[in-house]
Amino acid sequence: VYAACAYETASEAEKDYASMLAAAPQHAFSKGQCTYCGHCAPCP
């Protein structure tokens, strides 16, 4: 339970699934498709 709820205090780096999926050796997610991951932030 504590491990799952650690999500609430996790850093953006810890939450970053996008870098893993974009560079995965198999089934890497398509380029150009927004997954709403929030990597684009912060916007000036």
Full PDB file with SEQRES, HELIX, SHEET, SSBOND, CRYST1, ORIGX, SCALE, CONECT and MASTER records, all heavy atoms in Angstrom:
SEQRES   1 A   44  VAL TYR ALA ALA CYS ALA TYR GLU THR ALA SER GLU ALA          
SEQRES   2 A   44  GLU LYS ASP TYR ALA SER MET LEU ALA ALA ALA PRO GLN          
SEQRES   3 A   44  HIS ALA PHE SER LYS GLY GLN CYS THR TYR CYS GLY HIS          
SEQRES   4 A   44  CYS ALA PRO CYS PRO                                          
HELIX    1 AA1 TYR A    2  CYS A    5  1                                   4    
HELIX    2 AA2 ALA A    6  THR A    9  5                                   4    
HELIX    3 AA3 GLU A   12  LYS A   15  1                                   4    
HELIX    4 AA4 ALA A   18  ALA A   22  1                                   5    
CRYST1    1.000    1.000    1.000  90.00  90.00  90.00 P 1           1          
ORIGX1      1.000000  0.000000  0.000000        0.00000                         
ORIGX2      0.000000  1.000000  0.000000        0.00000                         
ORIGX3      0.000000  0.000000  1.000000        0.00000                         
SCALE1      1.000000  0.000000  0.000000        0.00000                         
SCALE2      0.000000  1.000000  0.000000        0.00000                         
SCALE3      0.000000  0.000000  1.000000        0.00000                         
ATOM      1  N   VAL A   1       0.850  -1.198   0.000  1.00  0.00           N  
ATOM      2  CA  VAL A   1       0.000   0.000   0.000  1.00  0.00           C  
ATOM      3  C   VAL A   1       0.883   1.245   0.000  1.00  0.00           C  
ATOM      4  O   VAL A   1       0.678   2.181  -0.783  1.00  0.00           O  
ATOM      5  CB  VAL A   1      -0.947   0.015   1.208  1.00  0.00           C  
ATOM      6  CG1 VAL A   1      -1.805   1.286   1.195  1.00  0.00           C  
ATOM      7  CG2 VAL A   1      -1.834  -1.218   1.224  1.00  0.00           C  
ATOM      8  N   TYR A   2       1.879   1.245   0.875  1.00  0.00           N  
ATOM      9  CA  TYR A   2       2.785   2.394   0.945  1.00  0.00           C  
ATOM     10  C   TYR A   2       3.506   2.595  -0.395  1.00  0.00           C  
ATOM     11  O   TYR A   2       3.709   3.736  -0.832  1.00  0.00           O  
ATOM     12  CB  TYR A   2       3.825   2.185   2.052  1.00  0.00           C  
ATOM     13  CG  TYR A   2       3.263   2.151   3.444  1.00  0.00           C  
ATOM     14  CD1 TYR A   2       3.644   1.152   4.340  1.00  0.00           C  
ATOM     15  CD2 TYR A   2       2.356   3.108   3.887  1.00  0.00           C  
ATOM     16  CE1 TYR A   2       3.144   1.105   5.631  1.00  0.00           C  
ATOM     17  CE2 TYR A   2       1.841   3.074   5.175  1.00  0.00           C  
ATOM     18  CZ  TYR A   2       2.233   2.066   6.044  1.00  0.00           C  
ATOM     19  OH  TYR A   2       1.729   2.033   7.318  1.00  0.00           O  
ATOM     20  N   ALA A   3       3.892   1.498  -1.038  1.00  0.00           N  
ATOM     21  CA  ALA A   3       4.611   1.594  -2.312  1.00  0.00           C  
ATOM     22  C   ALA A   3       3.754   2.254  -3.381  1.00  0.00           C  
ATOM     23  O   ALA A   3       4.251   3.064  -4.184  1.00  0.00           O  
ATOM     24  CB  ALA A   3       5.059   0.203  -2.768  1.00  0.00           C  
ATOM     25  N   ALA A   4       2.460   1.911  -3.430  1.00  0.00           N  
ATOM     26  CA  ALA A   4       1.569   2.528  -4.417  1.00  0.00           C  
ATOM     27  C   ALA A   4       1.308   3.987  -4.064  1.00  0.00           C  
ATOM     28  O   ALA A   4       1.333   4.869  -4.938  1.00  0.00           O  
ATOM     29  CB  ALA A   4       0.261   1.758  -4.498  1.00  0.00           C  
ATOM     30  N   CYS A   5       1.070   4.255  -2.800  1.00  0.00           N  
ATOM     31  CA  CYS A   5       0.751   5.623  -2.386  1.00  0.00           C  
ATOM     32  C   CYS A   5       1.965   6.545  -2.436  1.00  0.00           C  
ATOM     33  O   CYS A   5       1.812   7.772  -2.356  1.00  0.00           O  
ATOM     34  CB  CYS A   5       0.146   5.621  -0.987  1.00  0.00           C  
ATOM     35  SG  CYS A   5      -1.500   4.841  -0.919  1.00  0.00           S  
ATOM     36  N   ALA A   6       3.158   5.969  -2.596  1.00  0.00           N  
ATOM     37  CA  ALA A   6       4.356   6.793  -2.800  1.00  0.00           C  
ATOM     38  C   ALA A   6       4.233   7.610  -4.080  1.00  0.00           C  
ATOM     39  O   ALA A   6       4.960   8.585  -4.277  1.00  0.00           O  
ATOM     40  CB  ALA A   6       5.600   5.905  -2.856  1.00  0.00           C  
ATOM     41  N   TYR A   7       3.302   7.212  -4.942  1.00  0.00           N  
ATOM     42  CA  TYR A   7       3.036   7.984  -6.157  1.00  0.00           C  
ATOM     43  C   TYR A   7       2.725   9.443  -5.828  1.00  0.00           C  
ATOM     44  O   TYR A   7       3.098  10.358  -6.569  1.00  0.00           O  
ATOM     45  CB  TYR A   7       1.862   7.368  -6.918  1.00  0.00           C  
ATOM     46  CG  TYR A   7       1.441   8.172  -8.126  1.00  0.00           C  
ATOM     47  CD1 TYR A   7       2.134   8.063  -9.324  1.00  0.00           C  
ATOM     48  CD2 TYR A   7       0.372   9.074  -8.071  1.00  0.00           C  
ATOM     49  CE1 TYR A   7       1.773   8.814 -10.436  1.00  0.00           C  
ATOM     50  CE2 TYR A   7       0.006   9.821  -9.179  1.00  0.00           C  
ATOM     51  CZ  TYR A   7       0.713   9.688 -10.349  1.00  0.00           C  
ATOM     52  OH  TYR A   7       0.355  10.443 -11.438  1.00  0.00           O  
ATOM     53  N   GLU A   8       2.028   9.663  -4.723  1.00  0.00           N  
ATOM     54  CA  GLU A   8       1.569  11.010  -4.383  1.00  0.00           C  
ATOM     55  C   GLU A   8       2.715  11.970  -4.074  1.00  0.00           C  
ATOM     56  O   GLU A   8       2.545  13.185  -4.174  1.00  0.00           O  
ATOM     57  CB  GLU A   8       0.599  10.949  -3.197  1.00  0.00           C  
ATOM     58  CG  GLU A   8      -0.657  10.131  -3.463  1.00  0.00           C  
ATOM     59  CD  GLU A   8      -1.494  10.684  -4.606  1.00  0.00           C  
ATOM     60  OE1 GLU A   8      -1.389  11.885  -4.897  1.00  0.00           O  
ATOM     61  OE2 GLU A   8      -2.244   9.911  -5.215  1.00  0.00           O  
ATOM     62  N   THR A   9       3.851  11.451  -3.705  1.00  0.00           N  
ATOM     63  CA  THR A   9       4.996  12.317  -3.400  1.00  0.00           C  
ATOM     64  C   THR A   9       6.164  12.073  -4.365  1.00  0.00           C  
ATOM     65  O   THR A   9       7.258  12.588  -4.154  1.00  0.00           O  
ATOM     66  CB  THR A   9       5.479  12.086  -1.959  1.00  0.00           C  
ATOM     67  OG1 THR A   9       5.742  10.691  -1.759  1.00  0.00           O  
ATOM     68  CG2 THR A   9       4.406  12.530  -0.955  1.00  0.00           C  
ATOM     69  N   ALA A  10       5.930  11.284  -5.410  1.00  0.00           N  
ATOM     70  CA  ALA A  10       7.000  10.958  -6.360  1.00  0.00           C  
ATOM     71  C   ALA A  10       7.389  12.177  -7.186  1.00  0.00           C  
ATOM     72  O   ALA A  10       6.569  13.065  -7.465  1.00  0.00           O  
ATOM     73  CB  ALA A  10       6.556   9.827  -7.273  1.00  0.00           C  
ATOM     74  N   SER A  11       8.645  12.223  -7.592  1.00  0.00           N  
ATOM     75  CA  SER A  11       9.129  13.309  -8.448  1.00  0.00           C  
ATOM     76  C   SER A  11       8.689  13.066  -9.881  1.00  0.00           C  
ATOM     77  O   SER A  11       8.271  11.963 -10.248  1.00  0.00           O  
ATOM     78  CB  SER A  11      10.659  13.362  -8.385  1.00  0.00           C  
ATOM     79  OG  SER A  11      11.213  12.199  -8.982  1.00  0.00           O  
ATOM     80  N   GLU A  12       8.802  14.094 -10.700  1.00  0.00           N  
ATOM     81  CA  GLU A  12       8.461  13.939 -12.111  1.00  0.00           C  
ATOM     82  C   GLU A  12       9.382  12.919 -12.784  1.00  0.00           C  
ATOM     83  O   GLU A  12       8.959  12.171 -13.664  1.00  0.00           O  
ATOM     84  CB  GLU A  12       8.557  15.292 -12.827  1.00  0.00           C  
ATOM     85  CG  GLU A  12       7.488  16.288 -12.400  1.00  0.00           C  
ATOM     86  CD  GLU A  12       6.078  15.727 -12.543  1.00  0.00           C  
ATOM     87  OE1 GLU A  12       5.756  15.172 -13.622  1.00  0.00           O  
ATOM     88  OE2 GLU A  12       5.304  15.822 -11.571  1.00  0.00           O  
ATOM     89  N   ALA A  13      10.633  12.874 -12.345  1.00  0.00           N  
ATOM     90  CA  ALA A  13      11.566  11.894 -12.912  1.00  0.00           C  
ATOM     91  C   ALA A  13      11.124  10.470 -12.570  1.00  0.00           C  
ATOM     92  O   ALA A  13      11.232   9.562 -13.397  1.00  0.00           O  
ATOM     93  CB  ALA A  13      12.979  12.146 -12.387  1.00  0.00           C  
ATOM     94  N   GLU A  14      10.620  10.278 -11.357  1.00  0.00           N  
ATOM     95  CA  GLU A  14      10.152   8.950 -10.951  1.00  0.00           C  
ATOM     96  C   GLU A  14       8.893   8.540 -11.712  1.00  0.00           C  
ATOM     97  O   GLU A  14       8.659   7.360 -11.950  1.00  0.00           O  
ATOM     98  CB  GLU A  14       9.893   8.918  -9.454  1.00  0.00           C  
ATOM     99  CG  GLU A  14      11.152   8.995  -8.600  1.00  0.00           C  
ATOM    100  CD  GLU A  14      10.857   9.148  -7.129  1.00  0.00           C  
ATOM    101  OE1 GLU A  14       9.991   9.994  -6.769  1.00  0.00           O  
ATOM    102  OE2 GLU A  14      11.466   8.421  -6.321  1.00  0.00           O  
ATOM    103  N   LYS A  15       8.076   9.504 -12.088  1.00  0.00           N  
ATOM    104  CA  LYS A  15       6.839   9.220 -12.813  1.00  0.00           C  
ATOM    105  C   LYS A  15       7.060   9.018 -14.309  1.00  0.00           C  
ATOM    106  O   LYS A  15       6.157   8.560 -15.009  1.00  0.00           O  
ATOM    107  CB  LYS A  15       5.843  10.374 -12.622  1.00  0.00           C  
ATOM    108  CG  LYS A  15       5.324  10.530 -11.209  1.00  0.00           C  
ATOM    109  CD  LYS A  15       4.374  11.721 -11.132  1.00  0.00           C  
ATOM    110  CE  LYS A  15       3.823  11.907  -9.726  1.00  0.00           C  
ATOM    111  NZ  LYS A  15       2.919  13.079  -9.647  1.00  0.00           N  
ATOM    112  N   ASP A  16       8.226   9.343 -14.797  1.00  0.00           N  
ATOM    113  CA  ASP A  16       8.484   9.406 -16.236  1.00  0.00           C  
ATOM    114  C   ASP A  16       8.445   8.033 -16.904  1.00  0.00           C  
ATOM    115  O   ASP A  16       9.444   7.313 -16.943  1.00  0.00           O  
ATOM    116  CB  ASP A  16       9.837  10.070 -16.472  1.00  0.00           C  
ATOM    117  CG  ASP A  16      10.216  10.117 -17.946  1.00  0.00           C  
ATOM    118  OD1 ASP A  16       9.301   9.975 -18.792  1.00  0.00           O  
ATOM    119  OD2 ASP A  16      11.417  10.294 -18.239  1.00  0.00           O  
ATOM    120  N   TYR A  17       7.295   7.680 -17.442  1.00  0.00           N  
ATOM    121  CA  TYR A  17       7.173   6.470 -18.246  1.00  0.00           C  
ATOM    122  C   TYR A  17       7.496   6.750 -19.715  1.00  0.00           C  
ATOM    123  O   TYR A  17       7.861   5.852 -20.477  1.00  0.00           O  
ATOM    124  CB  TYR A  17       5.754   5.895 -18.162  1.00  0.00           C  
ATOM    125  CG  TYR A  17       4.686   6.821 -18.724  1.00  0.00           C  
ATOM    126  CD1 TYR A  17       4.445   6.895 -20.088  1.00  0.00           C  
ATOM    127  CD2 TYR A  17       3.928   7.634 -17.893  1.00  0.00           C  
ATOM    128  CE1 TYR A  17       3.482   7.748 -20.613  1.00  0.00           C  
ATOM    129  CE2 TYR A  17       2.962   8.490 -18.404  1.00  0.00           C  
ATOM    130  CZ  TYR A  17       2.742   8.541 -19.760  1.00  0.00           C  
ATOM    131  OH  TYR A  17       1.799   9.386 -20.273  1.00  0.00           O  
ATOM    132  N   ALA A  18       7.361   8.012 -20.119  1.00  0.00           N  
ATOM    133  CA  ALA A  18       7.437   8.365 -21.538  1.00  0.00           C  
ATOM    134  C   ALA A  18       8.810   8.085 -22.133  1.00  0.00           C  
ATOM    135  O   ALA A  18       8.920   7.562 -23.246  1.00  0.00           O  
ATOM    136  CB  ALA A  18       7.063   9.829 -21.721  1.00  0.00           C  
ATOM    137  N   SER A  19       9.864   8.432 -21.403  1.00  0.00           N  
ATOM    138  CA  SER A  19      11.213   8.201 -21.932  1.00  0.00           C  
ATOM    139  C   SER A  19      11.464   6.720 -22.149  1.00  0.00           C  
ATOM    140  O   SER A  19      12.104   6.316 -23.131  1.00  0.00           O  
ATOM    141  CB  SER A  19      12.254   8.769 -20.963  1.00  0.00           C  
ATOM    142  OG  SER A  19      12.130  10.172 -20.873  1.00  0.00           O  
ATOM    143  N   MET A  20      10.941   5.896 -21.244  1.00  0.00           N  
ATOM    144  CA  MET A  20      11.117   4.445 -21.359  1.00  0.00           C  
ATOM    145  C   MET A  20      10.386   3.909 -22.593  1.00  0.00           C  
ATOM    146  O   MET A  20      10.930   3.115 -23.360  1.00  0.00           O  
ATOM    147  CB  MET A  20      10.583   3.752 -20.103  1.00  0.00           C  
ATOM    148  CG  MET A  20      11.253   4.190 -18.815  1.00  0.00           C  
ATOM    149  SD  MET A  20      12.936   3.572 -18.677  1.00  0.00           S  
ATOM    150  CE  MET A  20      12.622   1.874 -18.245  1.00  0.00           C  
ATOM    151  N   LEU A  21       9.135   4.348 -22.789  1.00  0.00           N  
ATOM    152  CA  LEU A  21       8.341   3.826 -23.900  1.00  0.00           C  
ATOM    153  C   LEU A  21       8.834   4.340 -25.247  1.00  0.00           C  
ATOM    154  O   LEU A  21       8.721   3.658 -26.257  1.00  0.00           O  
ATOM    155  CB  LEU A  21       6.872   4.193 -23.707  1.00  0.00           C  
ATOM    156  CG  LEU A  21       6.180   3.608 -22.475  1.00  0.00           C  
ATOM    157  CD1 LEU A  21       4.722   4.026 -22.441  1.00  0.00           C  
ATOM    158  CD2 LEU A  21       6.288   2.090 -22.450  1.00  0.00           C  
ATOM    159  N   ALA A  22       9.362   5.545 -25.264  1.00  0.00           N  
ATOM    160  CA  ALA A  22       9.840   6.115 -26.524  1.00  0.00           C  
ATOM    161  C   ALA A  22      11.128   5.443 -27.002  1.00  0.00           C  
ATOM    162  O   ALA A  22      11.384   5.362 -28.206  1.00  0.00           O  
ATOM    163  CB  ALA A  22      10.065   7.611 -26.369  1.00  0.00           C  
ATOM    164  N   ALA A  23      11.937   4.964 -26.045  1.00  0.00           N  
ATOM    165  CA  ALA A  23      13.226   4.379 -26.392  1.00  0.00           C  
ATOM    166  C   ALA A  23      13.249   2.867 -26.238  1.00  0.00           C  
ATOM    167  O   ALA A  23      14.309   2.250 -26.334  1.00  0.00           O  
ATOM    168  CB  ALA A  23      14.319   4.999 -25.520  1.00  0.00           C  
ATOM    169  N   ALA A  24      12.084   2.260 -26.004  1.00  0.00           N  
ATOM    170  CA  ALA A  24      12.027   0.813 -25.767  1.00  0.00           C  
ATOM    171  C   ALA A  24      12.524   0.040 -26.992  1.00  0.00           C  
ATOM    172  O   ALA A  24      12.253   0.430 -28.132  1.00  0.00           O  
ATOM    173  CB  ALA A  24      10.596   0.392 -25.434  1.00  0.00           C  
ATOM    174  N   PRO A  25      13.235  -1.052 -26.775  1.00  0.00           N  
ATOM    175  CA  PRO A  25      13.738  -1.831 -27.913  1.00  0.00           C  
ATOM    176  C   PRO A  25      12.646  -2.547 -28.704  1.00  0.00           C  
ATOM    177  O   PRO A  25      12.844  -2.903 -29.859  1.00  0.00           O  
ATOM    178  CB  PRO A  25      14.684  -2.846 -27.251  1.00  0.00           C  
ATOM    179  CG  PRO A  25      14.227  -2.942 -25.841  1.00  0.00           C  
ATOM    180  CD  PRO A  25      13.705  -1.586 -25.490  1.00  0.00           C  
ATOM    181  N   GLN A  26      11.479  -2.761 -28.066  1.00  0.00           N  
ATOM    182  CA  GLN A  26      10.361  -3.408 -28.741  1.00  0.00           C  
ATOM    183  C   GLN A  26       9.103  -2.556 -28.560  1.00  0.00           C  
ATOM    184  O   GLN A  26       8.860  -1.999 -27.496  1.00  0.00           O  
ATOM    185  CB  GLN A  26      10.107  -4.801 -28.134  1.00  0.00           C  
ATOM    186  CG  GLN A  26      11.288  -5.731 -28.222  1.00  0.00           C  
ATOM    187  CD  GLN A  26      11.196  -6.884 -27.250  1.00  0.00           C  
ATOM    188  OE1 GLN A  26      12.209  -7.400 -26.798  1.00  0.00           O  
ATOM    189  NE2 GLN A  26       9.994  -7.300 -26.907  1.00  0.00           N  
ATOM    190  N   HIS A  27       8.304  -2.458 -29.604  1.00  0.00           N  
ATOM    191  CA  HIS A  27       7.015  -1.772 -29.540  1.00  0.00           C  
ATOM    192  C   HIS A  27       7.144  -0.339 -29.011  1.00  0.00           C  
ATOM    193  O   HIS A  27       6.281   0.130 -28.271  1.00  0.00           O  
ATOM    194  CB  HIS A  27       6.024  -2.540 -28.673  1.00  0.00           C  
ATOM    195  CG  HIS A  27       5.825  -3.961 -29.103  1.00  0.00           C  
ATOM    196  ND1 HIS A  27       5.240  -4.305 -30.298  1.00  0.00           N  
ATOM    197  CD2 HIS A  27       6.168  -5.130 -28.502  1.00  0.00           C  
ATOM    198  CE1 HIS A  27       5.204  -5.633 -30.404  1.00  0.00           C  
ATOM    199  NE2 HIS A  27       5.769  -6.149 -29.345  1.00  0.00           N  
ATOM    200  N   ALA A  28       8.226   0.342 -29.354  1.00  0.00           N  
ATOM    201  CA  ALA A  28       8.383   1.730 -28.908  1.00  0.00           C  
ATOM    202  C   ALA A  28       7.190   2.552 -29.399  1.00  0.00           C  
ATOM    203  O   ALA A  28       6.748   2.410 -30.537  1.00  0.00           O  
ATOM    204  CB  ALA A  28       9.684   2.310 -29.455  1.00  0.00           C  
ATOM    205  N   PHE A  29       6.676   3.411 -28.546  1.00  0.00           N  
ATOM    206  CA  PHE A  29       5.486   4.192 -28.894  1.00  0.00           C  
ATOM    207  C   PHE A  29       5.774   5.097 -30.088  1.00  0.00           C  
ATOM    208  O   PHE A  29       6.866   5.642 -30.235  1.00  0.00           O  
ATOM    209  CB  PHE A  29       5.033   5.019 -27.695  1.00  0.00           C  
ATOM    210  CG  PHE A  29       4.004   4.324 -26.843  1.00  0.00           C  
ATOM    211  CD1 PHE A  29       4.081   2.966 -26.581  1.00  0.00           C  
ATOM    212  CD2 PHE A  29       2.938   5.026 -26.306  1.00  0.00           C  
ATOM    213  CE1 PHE A  29       3.146   2.327 -25.808  1.00  0.00           C  
ATOM    214  CE2 PHE A  29       1.979   4.389 -25.530  1.00  0.00           C  
ATOM    215  CZ  PHE A  29       2.081   3.039 -25.273  1.00  0.00           C  
ATOM    216  N   SER A  30       4.759   5.273 -30.908  1.00  0.00           N  
ATOM    217  CA  SER A  30       4.894   6.005 -32.162  1.00  0.00           C  
ATOM    218  C   SER A  30       5.341   7.442 -31.943  1.00  0.00           C  
ATOM    219  O   SER A  30       4.880   8.120 -31.009  1.00  0.00           O  
ATOM    220  CB  SER A  30       3.558   6.015 -32.906  1.00  0.00           C  
ATOM    221  OG  SER A  30       3.120   4.726 -33.200  1.00  0.00           O  
ATOM    222  N   LYS A  31       6.213   7.898 -32.813  1.00  0.00           N  
ATOM    223  CA  LYS A  31       6.602   9.302 -32.799  1.00  0.00           C  
ATOM    224  C   LYS A  31       5.428  10.165 -33.261  1.00  0.00           C  
ATOM    225  O   LYS A  31       4.651   9.768 -34.118  1.00  0.00           O  
ATOM    226  CB  LYS A  31       7.803   9.526 -33.720  1.00  0.00           C  
ATOM    227  CG  LYS A  31       9.073   8.829 -33.256  1.00  0.00           C  
ATOM    228  CD  LYS A  31       9.583   9.376 -31.943  1.00  0.00           C  
ATOM    229  CE  LYS A  31      10.868   8.711 -31.497  1.00  0.00           C  
ATOM    230  NZ  LYS A  31      11.342   9.207 -30.190  1.00  0.00           N  
ATOM    231  N   GLY A  32       5.315  11.322 -32.661  1.00  0.00           N  
ATOM    232  CA  GLY A  32       4.279  12.261 -33.048  1.00  0.00           C  
ATOM    233  C   GLY A  32       2.959  12.097 -32.322  1.00  0.00           C  
ATOM    234  O   GLY A  32       2.040  12.896 -32.513  1.00  0.00           O  
ATOM    235  N   GLN A  33       2.842  11.072 -31.473  1.00  0.00           N  
ATOM    236  CA  GLN A  33       1.592  10.815 -30.766  1.00  0.00           C  
ATOM    237  C   GLN A  33       1.706  11.308 -29.330  1.00  0.00           C  
ATOM    238  O   GLN A  33       2.526  10.819 -28.560  1.00  0.00           O  
ATOM    239  CB  GLN A  33       1.263   9.316 -30.771  1.00  0.00           C  
ATOM    240  CG  GLN A  33      -0.049   8.973 -30.088  1.00  0.00           C  
ATOM    241  CD  GLN A  33      -0.353   7.485 -30.153  1.00  0.00           C  
ATOM    242  OE1 GLN A  33       0.536   6.662 -30.327  1.00  0.00           O  
ATOM    243  NE2 GLN A  33      -1.614   7.134 -30.019  1.00  0.00           N  
ATOM    244  N   CYS A  34       0.892  12.271 -28.959  1.00  0.00           N  
ATOM    245  CA  CYS A  34       0.904  12.801 -27.598  1.00  0.00           C  
ATOM    246  C   CYS A  34       0.243  11.798 -26.661  1.00  0.00           C  
ATOM    247  O   CYS A  34      -0.877  11.341 -26.906  1.00  0.00           O  
ATOM    248  CB  CYS A  34       0.169  14.134 -27.532  1.00  0.00           C  
ATOM    249  SG  CYS A  34       0.136  14.866 -25.865  1.00  0.00           S  
ATOM    250  N   THR A  35       0.937  11.456 -25.578  1.00  0.00           N  
ATOM    251  CA  THR A  35       0.364  10.563 -24.571  1.00  0.00           C  
ATOM    252  C   THR A  35      -0.026  11.325 -23.302  1.00  0.00           C  
ATOM    253  O   THR A  35      -0.339  10.710 -22.297  1.00  0.00           O  
ATOM    254  CB  THR A  35       1.350   9.434 -24.202  1.00  0.00           C  
ATOM    255  OG1 THR A  35       2.464   9.996 -23.496  1.00  0.00           O  
ATOM    256  CG2 THR A  35       1.843   8.700 -25.437  1.00  0.00           C  
ATOM    257  N   TYR A  36       0.041  12.663 -23.348  1.00  0.00           N  
ATOM    258  CA  TYR A  36      -0.350  13.530 -22.223  1.00  0.00           C  
ATOM    259  C   TYR A  36       0.526  13.276 -20.998  1.00  0.00           C  
ATOM    260  O   TYR A  36       0.071  13.388 -19.848  1.00  0.00           O  
ATOM    261  CB  TYR A  36      -1.831  13.347 -21.874  1.00  0.00           C  
ATOM    262  CG  TYR A  36      -2.727  13.190 -23.078  1.00  0.00           C  
ATOM    263  CD1 TYR A  36      -3.508  12.057 -23.262  1.00  0.00           C  
ATOM    264  CD2 TYR A  36      -2.768  14.169 -24.071  1.00  0.00           C  
ATOM    265  CE1 TYR A  36      -4.315  11.900 -24.379  1.00  0.00           C  
ATOM    266  CE2 TYR A  36      -3.573  14.021 -25.188  1.00  0.00           C  
ATOM    267  CZ  TYR A  36      -4.337  12.888 -25.340  1.00  0.00           C  
ATOM    268  OH  TYR A  36      -5.134  12.728 -26.446  1.00  0.00           O  
ATOM    269  N   CYS A  37       1.794  12.935 -21.233  1.00  0.00           N  
ATOM    270  CA  CYS A  37       2.676  12.560 -20.124  1.00  0.00           C  
ATOM    271  C   CYS A  37       3.153  13.765 -19.328  1.00  0.00           C  
ATOM    272  O   CYS A  37       3.611  13.621 -18.197  1.00  0.00           O  
ATOM    273  CB  CYS A  37       3.881  11.770 -20.653  1.00  0.00           C  
ATOM    274  SG  CYS A  37       5.013  12.732 -21.692  1.00  0.00           S  
ATOM    275  N   GLY A  38       3.110  14.969 -19.913  1.00  0.00           N  
ATOM    276  CA  GLY A  38       3.538  16.170 -19.209  1.00  0.00           C  
ATOM    277  C   GLY A  38       5.016  16.476 -19.333  1.00  0.00           C  
ATOM    278  O   GLY A  38       5.523  17.410 -18.700  1.00  0.00           O  
ATOM    279  N   HIS A  39       5.741  15.725 -20.161  1.00  0.00           N  
ATOM    280  CA  HIS A  39       7.173  15.957 -20.350  1.00  0.00           C  
ATOM    281  C   HIS A  39       7.452  17.335 -20.926  1.00  0.00           C  
ATOM    282  O   HIS A  39       8.552  17.872 -20.764  1.00  0.00           O  
ATOM    283  CB  HIS A  39       7.734  14.902 -21.307  1.00  0.00           C  
ATOM    284  CG  HIS A  39       8.777  14.032 -20.683  1.00  0.00           C  
ATOM    285  ND1 HIS A  39      10.016  14.477 -20.341  1.00  0.00           N  
ATOM    286  CD2 HIS A  39       8.748  12.721 -20.329  1.00  0.00           C  
ATOM    287  CE1 HIS A  39      10.726  13.493 -19.823  1.00  0.00           C  
ATOM    288  NE2 HIS A  39       9.970  12.417 -19.798  1.00  0.00           N  
ATOM    289  N   CYS A  40       6.472  17.889 -21.625  1.00  0.00           N  
ATOM    290  CA  CYS A  40       6.645  19.185 -22.284  1.00  0.00           C  
ATOM    291  C   CYS A  40       6.777  20.339 -21.294  1.00  0.00           C  
ATOM    292  O   CYS A  40       7.283  21.406 -21.632  1.00  0.00           O  
ATOM    293  CB  CYS A  40       5.466  19.435 -23.213  1.00  0.00           C  
ATOM    294  SG  CYS A  40       3.865  19.054 -22.462  1.00  0.00           S  
ATOM    295  N   ALA A  41       6.307  20.147 -20.074  1.00  0.00           N  
ATOM    296  CA  ALA A  41       6.359  21.204 -19.059  1.00  0.00           C  
ATOM    297  C   ALA A  41       7.805  21.386 -18.572  1.00  0.00           C  
ATOM    298  O   ALA A  41       8.617  20.468 -18.657  1.00  0.00           O  
ATOM    299  CB  ALA A  41       5.435  20.838 -17.907  1.00  0.00           C  
ATOM    300  N   PRO A  42       8.134  22.571 -18.058  1.00  0.00           N  
ATOM    301  CA  PRO A  42       7.254  23.732 -17.887  1.00  0.00           C  
ATOM    302  C   PRO A  42       7.236  24.617 -19.126  1.00  0.00           C  
ATOM    303  O   PRO A  42       8.235  24.728 -19.840  1.00  0.00           O  
ATOM    304  CB  PRO A  42       7.899  24.476 -16.717  1.00  0.00           C  
ATOM    305  CG  PRO A  42       9.364  24.182 -16.874  1.00  0.00           C  
ATOM    306  CD  PRO A  42       9.452  22.779 -17.415  1.00  0.00           C  
ATOM    307  N   CYS A  43       6.085  25.223 -19.364  1.00  0.00           N  
ATOM    308  CA  CYS A  43       5.936  26.151 -20.470  1.00  0.00           C  
ATOM    309  C   CYS A  43       6.193  27.569 -19.963  1.00  0.00           C  
ATOM    310  O   CYS A  43       5.591  27.983 -18.968  1.00  0.00           O  
ATOM    311  CB  CYS A  43       4.516  26.049 -21.035  1.00  0.00           C  
ATOM    312  SG  CYS A  43       4.095  27.337 -22.234  1.00  0.00           S  
ATOM    313  N   PRO A  44       7.071  28.332 -20.600  1.00  0.00           N  
ATOM    314  CA  PRO A  44       7.361  29.688 -20.125  1.00  0.00           C  
ATOM    315  C   PRO A  44       6.136  30.600 -20.176  1.00  0.00           C  
ATOM    316  O   PRO A  44       6.072  31.589 -19.446  1.00  0.00           O  
ATOM    317  CB  PRO A  44       8.465  30.167 -21.071  1.00  0.00           C  
ATOM    318  CG  PRO A  44       8.338  29.312 -22.288  1.00  0.00           C  
ATOM    319  CD  PRO A  44       7.868  27.987 -21.791  1.00  0.00           C  
TER     320      PRO A  44                                                      
MASTER        0    0    0    4    0    0    0    6  319    1    0    4          
END                                                                             
